[in-house]
Amino acid sequence: MHLEKPLDEGVKVEVLFHVGNCTVRSKARMMFPMWATQGLLQPFEFDNLAEAERQQLESDLRRLLQGANPAPVIEEQPSETISPSDPA
């Protein structure tokens, strides 16, 4: 989360956010904040995210990250073969 003022570490909150087709609403525990350029970033840890929600969130995050950073395209070059009868 991006916050202007940090929440105390260990504070229990309810988070609600959307990623792709997935809407996550779960209890979470705030972790130690990290200062950023503007405000701060504060990670959180889910308390009891259901397995089905976790899998859907993981799948949607993968798709989102793959869209932002597409895998490099590797073009195969035809290999040249030299037959024994070719002069060197």
PDB file of N, CA and C in Angstrom:
ATOM      1  N   MET A   1       0.828  -1.172   0.000  1.00  0.00           N
ATOM      2  CA  MET A   1       0.000   0.000   0.000  1.00  0.00           C
ATOM      3  C   MET A   1       0.873   1.237   0.000  1.00  0.00           C
ATOM      4  N   HIS A   2       0.399   2.268  -0.645  1.00  0.00           N
ATOM      5  CA  HIS A   2       1.083   3.565  -0.632  1.00  0.00           C
ATOM      6  C   HIS A   2       0.316   4.456   0.334  1.00  0.00           C
ATOM      7  N   LEU A   3       0.980   4.898   1.404  1.00  0.00           N
ATOM      8  CA  LEU A   3       0.335   5.697   2.440  1.00  0.00           C
ATOM      9  C   LEU A   3       1.110   6.980   2.703  1.00  0.00           C
ATOM     10  N   GLU A   4       0.403   8.017   3.171  1.00  0.00           N
ATOM     11  CA  GLU A   4       1.081   9.249   3.562  1.00  0.00           C
ATOM     12  C   GLU A   4       1.712   9.111   4.934  1.00  0.00           C
ATOM     13  N   LYS A   5       1.021   8.438   5.845  1.00  0.00           N
ATOM     14  CA  LYS A   5       1.521   8.220   7.208  1.00  0.00           C
ATOM     15  C   LYS A   5       1.481   6.720   7.486  1.00  0.00           C
ATOM     16  N   PRO A   6       2.527   6.200   8.118  1.00  0.00           N
ATOM     17  CA  PRO A   6       2.570   4.753   8.364  1.00  0.00           C
ATOM     18  C   PRO A   6       1.562   4.298   9.407  1.00  0.00           C
ATOM     19  N   LEU A   7       1.134   3.070   9.251  1.00  0.00           N
ATOM     20  CA  LEU A   7       0.347   2.407  10.276  1.00  0.00           C
ATOM     21  C   LEU A   7       1.323   1.605  11.122  1.00  0.00           C
ATOM     22  N   ASP A   8       0.979   1.405  12.365  1.00  0.00           N
ATOM     23  CA  ASP A   8       1.852   0.633  13.232  1.00  0.00           C
ATOM     24  C   ASP A   8       1.979  -0.796  12.725  1.00  0.00           C
ATOM     25  N   GLU A   9       3.182  -1.320  12.832  1.00  0.00           N
ATOM     26  CA  GLU A   9       3.424  -2.704  12.448  1.00  0.00           C
ATOM     27  C   GLU A   9       2.561  -3.604  13.327  1.00  0.00           C
ATOM     28  N   GLY A  10       1.924  -4.586  12.708  1.00  0.00           N
ATOM     29  CA  GLY A  10       1.091  -5.529  13.441  1.00  0.00           C
ATOM     30  C   GLY A  10      -0.376  -5.155  13.509  1.00  0.00           C
ATOM     31  N   VAL A  11      -0.724  -3.921  13.105  1.00  0.00           N
ATOM     32  CA  VAL A  11      -2.125  -3.492  13.117  1.00  0.00           C
ATOM     33  C   VAL A  11      -2.904  -4.380  12.159  1.00  0.00           C
ATOM     34  N   LYS A  12      -4.089  -4.812  12.594  1.00  0.00           N
ATOM     35  CA  LYS A  12      -4.933  -5.648  11.740  1.00  0.00           C
ATOM     36  C   LYS A  12      -5.892  -4.754  10.974  1.00  0.00           C
ATOM     37  N   VAL A  13      -5.994  -5.003   9.666  1.00  0.00           N
ATOM     38  CA  VAL A  13      -6.833  -4.204   8.781  1.00  0.00           C
ATOM     39  C   VAL A  13      -7.628  -5.137   7.878  1.00  0.00           C
ATOM     40  N   GLU A  14      -8.561  -4.554   7.154  1.00  0.00           N
ATOM     41  CA  GLU A  14      -9.238  -5.272   6.091  1.00  0.00           C
ATOM     42  C   GLU A  14      -8.846  -4.597   4.792  1.00  0.00           C
ATOM     43  N   VAL A  15      -8.356  -5.388   3.827  1.00  0.00           N
ATOM     44  CA  VAL A  15      -7.953  -4.838   2.534  1.00  0.00           C
ATOM     45  C   VAL A  15      -8.983  -5.229   1.486  1.00  0.00           C
ATOM     46  N   LEU A  16      -9.180  -4.335   0.548  1.00  0.00           N
ATOM     47  CA  LEU A  16     -10.092  -4.565  -0.564  1.00  0.00           C
ATOM     48  C   LEU A  16      -9.445  -3.938  -1.787  1.00  0.00           C
ATOM     49  N   PHE A  17      -9.168  -4.758  -2.805  1.00  0.00           N
ATOM     50  CA  PHE A  17      -8.565  -4.243  -4.025  1.00  0.00           C
ATOM     51  C   PHE A  17      -8.909  -5.158  -5.195  1.00  0.00           C
ATOM     52  N   HIS A  18      -8.697  -4.631  -6.394  1.00  0.00           N
ATOM     53  CA  HIS A  18      -8.992  -5.356  -7.629  1.00  0.00           C
ATOM     54  C   HIS A  18      -7.708  -5.570  -8.419  1.00  0.00           C
ATOM     55  N   VAL A  19      -7.550  -6.758  -8.949  1.00  0.00           N
ATOM     56  CA  VAL A  19      -6.446  -7.081  -9.862  1.00  0.00           C
ATOM     57  C   VAL A  19      -7.054  -7.922 -10.975  1.00  0.00           C
ATOM     58  N   GLY A  20      -7.045  -7.389 -12.202  1.00  0.00           N
ATOM     59  CA  GLY A  20      -7.660  -8.125 -13.306  1.00  0.00           C
ATOM     60  C   GLY A  20      -9.126  -8.385 -13.014  1.00  0.00           C
ATOM     61  N   ASN A  21      -9.528  -9.646 -13.076  1.00  0.00           N
ATOM     62  CA  ASN A  21     -10.914 -10.036 -12.793  1.00  0.00           C
ATOM     63  C   ASN A  21     -11.123 -10.393 -11.332  1.00  0.00           C
ATOM     64  N   CYS A  22     -10.079 -10.315 -10.545  1.00  0.00           N
ATOM     65  CA  CYS A  22     -10.107 -10.759  -9.156  1.00  0.00           C
ATOM     66  C   CYS A  22     -10.358  -9.576  -8.215  1.00  0.00           C
ATOM     67  N   THR A  23     -11.303  -9.733  -7.318  1.00  0.00           N
ATOM     68  CA  THR A  23     -11.521  -8.775  -6.244  1.00  0.00           C
ATOM     69  C   THR A  23     -11.153  -9.477  -4.954  1.00  0.00           C
ATOM     70  N   VAL A  24     -10.214  -8.897  -4.230  1.00  0.00           N
ATOM     71  CA  VAL A  24      -9.761  -9.489  -2.975  1.00  0.00           C
ATOM     72  C   VAL A  24     -10.290  -8.656  -1.826  1.00  0.00           C
ATOM     73  N   ARG A  25     -10.920  -9.319  -0.886  1.00  0.00           N
ATOM     74  CA  ARG A  25     -11.369  -8.681   0.358  1.00  0.00           C
ATOM     75  C   ARG A  25     -10.982  -9.644   1.459  1.00  0.00           C
ATOM     76  N   SER A  26     -10.022  -9.218   2.285  1.00  0.00           N
ATOM     77  CA  SER A  26      -9.496 -10.127   3.290  1.00  0.00           C
ATOM     78  C   SER A  26      -8.938  -9.353   4.471  1.00  0.00           C
ATOM     79  N   LYS A  27      -8.806 -10.040   5.573  1.00  0.00           N
ATOM     80  CA  LYS A  27      -8.131  -9.487   6.750  1.00  0.00           C
ATOM     81  C   LYS A  27      -6.634  -9.579   6.504  1.00  0.00           C
ATOM     82  N   ALA A  28      -5.905  -8.585   6.998  1.00  0.00           N
ATOM     83  CA  ALA A  28      -4.456  -8.566   6.810  1.00  0.00           C
ATOM     84  C   ALA A  28      -3.799  -7.932   8.034  1.00  0.00           C
ATOM     85  N   ARG A  29      -2.487  -8.115   8.125  1.00  0.00           N
ATOM     86  CA  ARG A  29      -1.681  -7.541   9.198  1.00  0.00           C
ATOM     87  C   ARG A  29      -0.610  -6.677   8.562  1.00  0.00           C
ATOM     88  N   MET A  30      -0.497  -5.441   9.026  1.00  0.00           N
ATOM     89  CA  MET A  30       0.477  -4.512   8.465  1.00  0.00           C
ATOM     90  C   MET A  30       1.884  -4.908   8.897  1.00  0.00           C
ATOM     91  N   MET A  31       2.825  -4.749   7.962  1.00  0.00           N
ATOM     92  CA  MET A  31       4.223  -5.039   8.237  1.00  0.00           C
ATOM     93  C   MET A  31       4.994  -3.722   8.319  1.00  0.00           C
ATOM     94  N   PHE A  32       6.300  -3.797   8.547  1.00  0.00           N
ATOM     95  CA  PHE A  32       7.121  -2.596   8.734  1.00  0.00           C
ATOM     96  C   PHE A  32       7.125  -1.740   7.468  1.00  0.00           C
ATOM     97  N   PRO A  33       6.840  -0.425   7.583  1.00  0.00           N
ATOM     98  CA  PRO A  33       6.786   0.456   6.407  1.00  0.00           C
ATOM     99  C   PRO A  33       8.164   0.733   5.820  1.00  0.00           C
ATOM    100  N   MET A  34       8.165   1.051   4.518  1.00  0.00           N
ATOM    101  CA  MET A  34       9.394   1.406   3.798  1.00  0.00           C
ATOM    102  C   MET A  34       9.177   2.779   3.170  1.00  0.00           C
ATOM    103  N   TRP A  35      10.059   3.719   3.468  1.00  0.00           N
ATOM    104  CA  TRP A  35       9.920   5.061   2.924  1.00  0.00           C
ATOM    105  C   TRP A  35      10.180   5.054   1.434  1.00  0.00           C
ATOM    106  N   ALA A  36       9.367   5.808   0.705  1.00  0.00           N
ATOM    107  CA  ALA A  36       9.493   5.944  -0.749  1.00  0.00           C
ATOM    108  C   ALA A  36       9.694   7.420  -1.073  1.00  0.00           C
ATOM    109  N   THR A  37       9.781   7.750  -2.342  1.00  0.00           N
ATOM    110  CA  THR A  37      10.010   9.129  -2.765  1.00  0.00           C
ATOM    111  C   THR A  37       8.917  10.061  -2.252  1.00  0.00           C
ATOM    112  N   GLN A  38       7.666   9.644  -2.389  1.00  0.00           N
ATOM    113  CA  GLN A  38       6.537  10.439  -1.906  1.00  0.00           C
ATOM    114  C   GLN A  38       5.730   9.557  -0.974  1.00  0.00           C
ATOM    115  N   GLY A  39       5.726   9.864   0.292  1.00  0.00           N
ATOM    116  CA  GLY A  39       5.009   9.033   1.246  1.00  0.00           C
ATOM    117  C   GLY A  39       5.798   7.781   1.551  1.00  0.00           C
ATOM    118  N   LEU A  40       5.101   6.688   1.726  1.00  0.00           N
ATOM    119  CA  LEU A  40       5.774   5.437   2.019  1.00  0.00           C
ATOM    120  C   LEU A  40       4.983   4.262   1.492  1.00  0.00           C
ATOM    121  N   LEU A  41       5.660   3.156   1.384  1.00  0.00           N
ATOM    122  CA  LEU A  41       5.025   1.896   0.990  1.00  0.00           C
ATOM    123  C   LEU A  41       4.969   1.024   2.232  1.00  0.00           C
ATOM    124  N   GLN A  42       3.830   0.403   2.458  1.00  0.00           N
ATOM    125  CA  GLN A  42       3.709  -0.448   3.630  1.00  0.00           C
ATOM    126  C   GLN A  42       3.164  -1.807   3.213  1.00  0.00           C
ATOM    127  N   PRO A  43       4.007  -2.817   3.313  1.00  0.00           N
ATOM    128  CA  PRO A  43       3.548  -4.159   2.952  1.00  0.00           C
ATOM    129  C   PRO A  43       2.570  -4.690   3.994  1.00  0.00           C
ATOM    130  N   PHE A  44       1.803  -5.661   3.568  1.00  0.00           N
ATOM    131  CA  PHE A  44       0.874  -6.322   4.484  1.00  0.00           C
ATOM    132  C   PHE A  44       0.916  -7.813   4.216  1.00  0.00           C
ATOM    133  N   GLU A  45       0.427  -8.560   5.188  1.00  0.00           N
ATOM    134  CA  GLU A  45       0.390 -10.013   5.086  1.00  0.00           C
ATOM    135  C   GLU A  45      -1.046 -10.453   5.319  1.00  0.00           C
ATOM    136  N   PHE A  46      -1.565 -11.265   4.400  1.00  0.00           N
ATOM    137  CA  PHE A  46      -2.928 -11.763   4.572  1.00  0.00           C
ATOM    138  C   PHE A  46      -3.004 -12.639   5.816  1.00  0.00           C
ATOM    139  N   ASP A  47      -4.120 -12.519   6.547  1.00  0.00           N
ATOM    140  CA  ASP A  47      -4.328 -13.380   7.719  1.00  0.00           C
ATOM    141  C   ASP A  47      -4.880 -14.739   7.326  1.00  0.00           C
ATOM    142  N   ASN A  48      -5.905 -14.743   6.511  1.00  0.00           N
ATOM    143  CA  ASN A  48      -6.530 -16.018   6.154  1.00  0.00           C
ATOM    144  C   ASN A  48      -7.174 -15.944   4.778  1.00  0.00           C
ATOM    145  N   LEU A  49      -6.363 -15.751   3.767  1.00  0.00           N
ATOM    146  CA  LEU A  49      -6.856 -15.683   2.398  1.00  0.00           C
ATOM    147  C   LEU A  49      -7.236 -17.096   1.960  1.00  0.00           C
ATOM    148  N   ALA A  50      -8.459 -17.265   1.489  1.00  0.00           N
ATOM    149  CA  ALA A  50      -8.927 -18.582   1.047  1.00  0.00           C
ATOM    150  C   ALA A  50      -8.084 -19.065  -0.130  1.00  0.00           C
ATOM    151  N   GLU A  51      -7.877 -20.363  -0.231  1.00  0.00           N
ATOM    152  CA  GLU A  51      -7.025 -20.943  -1.274  1.00  0.00           C
ATOM    153  C   GLU A  51      -7.516 -20.580  -2.673  1.00  0.00           C
ATOM    154  N   ALA A  52      -8.810 -20.602  -2.895  1.00  0.00           N
ATOM    155  CA  ALA A  52      -9.350 -20.262  -4.220  1.00  0.00           C
ATOM    156  C   ALA A  52      -9.035 -18.798  -4.571  1.00  0.00           C
ATOM    157  N   GLU A  53      -9.177 -17.900  -3.592  1.00  0.00           N
ATOM    158  CA  GLU A  53      -8.845 -16.484  -3.827  1.00  0.00           C
ATOM    159  C   GLU A  53      -7.354 -16.311  -4.073  1.00  0.00           C
ATOM    160  N   ARG A  54      -6.519 -17.028  -3.322  1.00  0.00           N
ATOM    161  CA  ARG A  54      -5.077 -16.939  -3.493  1.00  0.00           C
ATOM    162  C   ARG A  54      -4.663 -17.380  -4.891  1.00  0.00           C
ATOM    163  N   GLN A  55      -5.255 -18.472  -5.368  1.00  0.00           N
ATOM    164  CA  GLN A  55      -4.933 -18.972  -6.706  1.00  0.00           C
ATOM    165  C   GLN A  55      -5.386 -17.998  -7.781  1.00  0.00           C
ATOM    166  N   GLN A  56      -6.582 -17.425  -7.633  1.00  0.00           N
ATOM    167  CA  GLN A  56      -7.081 -16.458  -8.613  1.00  0.00           C
ATOM    168  C   GLN A  56      -6.214 -15.209  -8.617  1.00  0.00           C
ATOM    169  N   LEU A  57      -5.822 -14.727  -7.433  1.00  0.00           N
ATOM    170  CA  LEU A  57      -4.962 -13.551  -7.325  1.00  0.00           C
ATOM    171  C   LEU A  57      -3.606 -13.829  -7.969  1.00  0.00           C
ATOM    172  N   GLU A  58      -3.026 -14.980  -7.694  1.00  0.00           N
ATOM    173  CA  GLU A  58      -1.738 -15.342  -8.290  1.00  0.00           C
ATOM    174  C   GLU A  58      -1.828 -15.382  -9.813  1.00  0.00           C
ATOM    175  N   SER A  59      -2.880 -15.986 -10.334  1.00  0.00           N
ATOM    176  CA  SER A  59      -3.076 -16.080 -11.777  1.00  0.00           C
ATOM    177  C   SER A  59      -3.219 -14.696 -12.413  1.00  0.00           C
ATOM    178  N   ASP A  60      -4.033 -13.826 -11.816  1.00  0.00           N
ATOM    179  CA  ASP A  60      -4.241 -12.484 -12.356  1.00  0.00           C
ATOM    180  C   ASP A  60      -2.966 -11.641 -12.257  1.00  0.00           C
ATOM    181  N   LEU A  61      -2.203 -11.790 -11.175  1.00  0.00           N
ATOM    182  CA  LEU A  61      -0.943 -11.058 -11.059  1.00  0.00           C
ATOM    183  C   LEU A  61       0.058 -11.521 -12.102  1.00  0.00           C
ATOM    184  N   ARG A  62       0.112 -12.810 -12.366  1.00  0.00           N
ATOM    185  CA  ARG A  62       1.011 -13.317 -13.416  1.00  0.00           C
ATOM    186  C   ARG A  62       0.661 -12.709 -14.765  1.00  0.00           C
ATOM    187  N   ARG A  63      -0.639 -12.708 -15.108  1.00  0.00           N
ATOM    188  CA  ARG A  63      -1.062 -12.135 -16.388  1.00  0.00           C
ATOM    189  C   ARG A  63      -0.722 -10.653 -16.467  1.00  0.00           C
ATOM    190  N   LEU A  64      -0.930  -9.936 -15.380  1.00  0.00           N
ATOM    191  CA  LEU A  64      -0.630  -8.513 -15.336  1.00  0.00           C
ATOM    192  C   LEU A  64       0.870  -8.276 -15.533  1.00  0.00           C
ATOM    193  N   LEU A  65       1.706  -9.032 -14.854  1.00  0.00           N
ATOM    194  CA  LEU A  65       3.156  -8.863 -14.975  1.00  0.00           C
ATOM    195  C   LEU A  65       3.671  -9.292 -16.335  1.00  0.00           C
ATOM    196  N   GLN A  66       3.090 -10.320 -16.914  1.00  0.00           N
ATOM    197  CA  GLN A  66       3.510 -10.751 -18.246  1.00  0.00           C
ATOM    198  C   GLN A  66       3.149  -9.699 -19.281  1.00  0.00           C
ATOM    199  N   GLY A  67       2.034  -9.025 -19.102  1.00  0.00           N
ATOM    200  CA  GLY A  67       1.635  -7.963 -20.023  1.00  0.00           C
ATOM    201  C   GLY A  67       2.548  -6.753 -19.912  1.00  0.00           C
ATOM    202  N   ALA A  68       3.037  -6.469 -18.706  1.00  0.00           N
ATOM    203  CA  ALA A  68       3.927  -5.329 -18.490  1.00  0.00           C
ATOM    204  C   ALA A  68       5.347  -5.637 -18.937  1.00  0.00           C
ATOM    205  N   ASN A  69       5.758  -6.864 -18.792  1.00  0.00           N
ATOM    206  CA  ASN A  69       7.115  -7.287 -19.152  1.00  0.00           C
ATOM    207  C   ASN A  69       7.030  -8.536 -20.022  1.00  0.00           C
ATOM    208  N   PRO A  70       6.697  -8.367 -21.288  1.00  0.00           N
ATOM    209  CA  PRO A  70       6.575  -9.560 -22.130  1.00  0.00           C
ATOM    210  C   PRO A  70       7.894 -10.302 -22.215  1.00  0.00           C
ATOM    211  N   ALA A  71       7.781 -11.604 -22.308  1.00  0.00           N
ATOM    212  CA  ALA A  71       8.983 -12.433 -22.412  1.00  0.00           C
ATOM    213  C   ALA A  71       9.743 -12.079 -23.682  1.00  0.00           C
ATOM    214  N   PRO A  72      11.069 -12.084 -23.614  1.00  0.00           N
ATOM    215  CA  PRO A  72      11.841 -11.759 -24.818  1.00  0.00           C
ATOM    216  C   PRO A  72      11.597 -12.793 -25.909  1.00  0.00           C
ATOM    217  N   VAL A  73      11.550 -12.299 -27.141  1.00  0.00           N
ATOM    218  CA  VAL A  73      11.352 -13.181 -28.288  1.00  0.00           C
ATOM    219  C   VAL A  73      12.723 -13.610 -28.783  1.00  0.00           C
ATOM    220  N   ILE A  74      12.927 -14.898 -28.835  1.00  0.00           N
ATOM    221  CA  ILE A  74      14.198 -15.428 -29.311  1.00  0.00           C
ATOM    222  C   ILE A  74      13.958 -16.019 -30.686  1.00  0.00           C
ATOM    223  N   GLU A  75      14.626 -15.421 -31.666  1.00  0.00           N
ATOM    224  CA  GLU A  75      14.478 -15.915 -33.027  1.00  0.00           C
ATOM    225  C   GLU A  75      15.581 -16.925 -33.303  1.00  0.00           C
ATOM    226  N   GLU A  76      15.170 -18.048 -33.808  1.00  0.00           N
ATOM    227  CA  GLU A  76      16.151 -19.067 -34.132  1.00  0.00           C
ATOM    228  C   GLU A  76      16.739 -18.782 -35.503  1.00  0.00           C
ATOM    229  N   GLN A  77      18.037 -18.833 -35.595  1.00  0.00           N
ATOM    230  CA  GLN A  77      18.741 -18.643 -36.856  1.00  0.00           C
ATOM    231  C   GLN A  77      19.024 -20.019 -37.444  1.00  0.00           C
ATOM    232  N   PRO A  78      18.830 -20.164 -38.742  1.00  0.00           N
ATOM    233  CA  PRO A  78      19.151 -21.461 -39.335  1.00  0.00           C
ATOM    234  C   PRO A  78      20.641 -21.729 -39.183  1.00  0.00           C
ATOM    235  N   SER A  79      20.964 -22.929 -38.803  1.00  0.00           N
ATOM    236  CA  SER A  79      22.381 -23.257 -38.638  1.00  0.00           C
ATOM    237  C   SER A  79      22.970 -23.627 -39.989  1.00  0.00           C
ATOM    238  N   GLU A  80      24.195 -23.226 -40.170  1.00  0.00           N
ATOM    239  CA  GLU A  80      24.891 -23.550 -41.410  1.00  0.00           C
ATOM    240  C   GLU A  80      25.615 -24.869 -41.207  1.00  0.00           C
ATOM    241  N   THR A  81      25.463 -25.721 -42.189  1.00  0.00           N
ATOM    242  CA  THR A  81      26.179 -26.986 -42.111  1.00  0.00           C
ATOM    243  C   THR A  81      27.175 -27.043 -43.246  1.00  0.00           C
ATOM    244  N   ILE A  82      28.282 -27.599 -42.970  1.00  0.00           N
ATOM    245  CA  ILE A  82      29.312 -27.750 -43.977  1.00  0.00           C
ATOM    246  C   ILE A  82      29.481 -29.241 -44.230  1.00  0.00           C
ATOM    247  N   SER A  83      29.271 -29.593 -45.464  1.00  0.00           N
ATOM    248  CA  SER A  83      29.427 -31.019 -45.778  1.00  0.00           C
ATOM    249  C   SER A  83      30.911 -31.313 -46.028  1.00  0.00           C
ATOM    250  N   PRO A  84      31.322 -32.560 -45.865  1.00  0.00           N
ATOM    251  CA  PRO A  84      32.720 -32.908 -46.039  1.00  0.00           C
ATOM    252  C   PRO A  84      33.237 -32.593 -47.431  1.00  0.00           C
ATOM    253  N   SER A  85      32.385 -32.485 -48.444  1.00  0.00           N
ATOM    254  CA  SER A  85      32.849 -32.216 -49.793  1.00  0.00           C
ATOM    255  C   SER A  85      33.072 -30.723 -50.070  1.00  0.00           C
ATOM    256  N   ASP A  86      32.609 -29.837 -49.169  1.00  0.00           N
ATOM    257  CA  ASP A  86      32.802 -28.400 -49.356  1.00  0.00           C
ATOM    258  C   ASP A  86      34.258 -28.028 -49.109  1.00  0.00           C
ATOM    259  N   PRO A  87      34.833 -27.192 -49.977  1.00  0.00           N
ATOM    260  CA  PRO A  87      36.223 -26.759 -49.739  1.00  0.00           C
ATOM    261  C   PRO A  87      36.296 -25.822 -48.543  1.00  0.00           C
ATOM    262  N   ALA A  88      37.350 -25.852 -47.809  1.00  0.00           N
ATOM    263  CA  ALA A  88      37.503 -25.032 -46.623  1.00  0.00           C
ATOM    264  C   ALA A  88      38.173 -23.732 -46.925  1.00  0.00           C
TER     265      ALA A  88
END
